[in-house]
Amino acid sequence: MAETTRIEGVDLYPEVGARLQEALGFHASYEQTGPPSWLCGGTVKRGLGPITEVGYNAMHNRLGHPMPNTGAKTARQLS
């Protein structure tokens, strides 16, 4: 949604970017390692799919924010 609105002339990244960065990193890390026991009793359904690519491109490549977990997940998806 943030990327679509940016293309249409309304930049939401200053408002939602930090939260998007943290959410993608949070989910990407548990996609790779599995969840901790405190998160949903340690059982979550994995499978983010390709959704990290747009957020990673915007937040890391264009805006320069560090996103190591999301970057690793995105790179694996693209290879």
Protein backbone atom coordinates (compact mmCIF):
# COMPACT_ATOMS: atom_id res chain seq x y z
CA MET A 1 0.00 0.00 0.00
CA ALA A 2 2.77 2.46 0.88
CA GLU A 3 4.53 1.80 -2.42
CA THR A 4 1.36 2.24 -4.45
CA THR A 5 0.55 5.54 -2.78
CA ARG A 6 4.16 6.72 -3.29
CA ILE A 7 3.83 6.02 -7.01
CA GLU A 8 0.56 7.97 -7.00
CA GLY A 9 2.22 10.96 -5.33
CA VAL A 10 1.55 10.46 -1.60
CA ASP A 11 4.59 9.23 0.35
CA LEU A 12 3.53 7.21 3.40
CA TYR A 13 6.99 5.86 4.16
CA PRO A 14 7.86 8.66 6.61
CA GLU A 15 4.73 7.73 8.58
CA VAL A 16 4.82 3.92 8.37
CA GLY A 17 8.41 3.16 7.39
CA ALA A 18 9.85 2.40 10.83
CA ARG A 19 6.98 0.08 11.65
CA LEU A 20 7.24 -1.64 8.25
CA GLN A 21 10.99 -2.08 8.69
CA GLU A 22 10.56 -3.70 12.12
CA ALA A 23 7.62 -5.88 11.06
CA LEU A 24 9.41 -7.25 8.00
CA GLY A 25 12.55 -7.93 10.04
CA PHE A 26 10.55 -9.63 12.80
CA HIS A 27 8.73 -11.96 10.44
CA ALA A 28 11.75 -12.60 8.20
CA SER A 29 13.88 -13.69 11.16
CA TYR A 30 11.30 -16.24 12.32
CA GLU A 31 10.80 -17.49 8.78
CA GLN A 32 14.46 -18.48 8.88
CA THR A 33 14.88 -19.76 12.43
CA GLY A 34 11.40 -20.66 13.63
CA PRO A 35 9.52 -18.74 16.31
CA PRO A 36 10.46 -18.50 19.98
CA SER A 37 8.27 -20.42 22.42
CA TRP A 38 6.63 -17.23 23.72
CA LEU A 39 5.22 -16.36 20.29
CA CYS A 40 1.90 -18.12 19.72
CA GLY A 41 3.09 -21.03 21.84
CA GLY A 42 6.03 -21.55 19.45
CA THR A 43 3.76 -22.56 16.58
CA VAL A 44 3.23 -20.21 13.67
CA LYS A 45 2.42 -20.82 10.05
CA ARG A 46 5.44 -19.88 7.96
CA GLY A 47 5.30 -18.73 4.39
CA LEU A 48 5.63 -14.99 3.84
CA GLY A 49 6.11 -15.54 0.15
CA PRO A 50 7.47 -12.73 -2.01
CA ILE A 51 5.99 -9.87 0.03
CA THR A 52 9.36 -8.79 1.44
CA GLU A 53 10.75 -7.66 -1.91
CA VAL A 54 8.82 -4.39 -2.28
CA GLY A 55 9.29 -3.32 1.34
CA TYR A 56 12.99 -4.23 1.28
CA ASN A 57 13.55 -2.33 -1.93
CA ALA A 58 11.85 0.77 -0.56
CA MET A 59 13.25 0.74 2.96
CA HIS A 60 16.76 -0.60 2.34
CA ASN A 61 17.69 0.09 -1.26
CA ARG A 62 15.96 3.45 -1.70
CA LEU A 63 15.90 4.87 1.86
CA GLY A 64 19.07 3.24 3.21
CA HIS A 65 17.73 1.53 6.35
CA PRO A 66 19.57 -1.58 7.54
CA MET A 67 17.42 -4.70 7.17
CA PRO A 68 19.69 -7.76 7.47
CA ASN A 69 16.99 -10.38 8.17
CA THR A 70 14.69 -9.10 5.46
CA GLY A 71 17.59 -8.83 3.03
CA ALA A 72 18.63 -12.44 3.65
CA LYS A 73 15.04 -13.68 3.24
CA THR A 74 14.51 -11.64 0.09
CA ALA A 75 17.79 -12.80 -1.46
CA ARG A 76 16.84 -16.45 -0.88
CA GLN A 77 13.44 -15.88 -2.49
CA LEU A 78 15.00 -14.32 -5.58
CA SER A 79 17.64 -16.99 -6.12
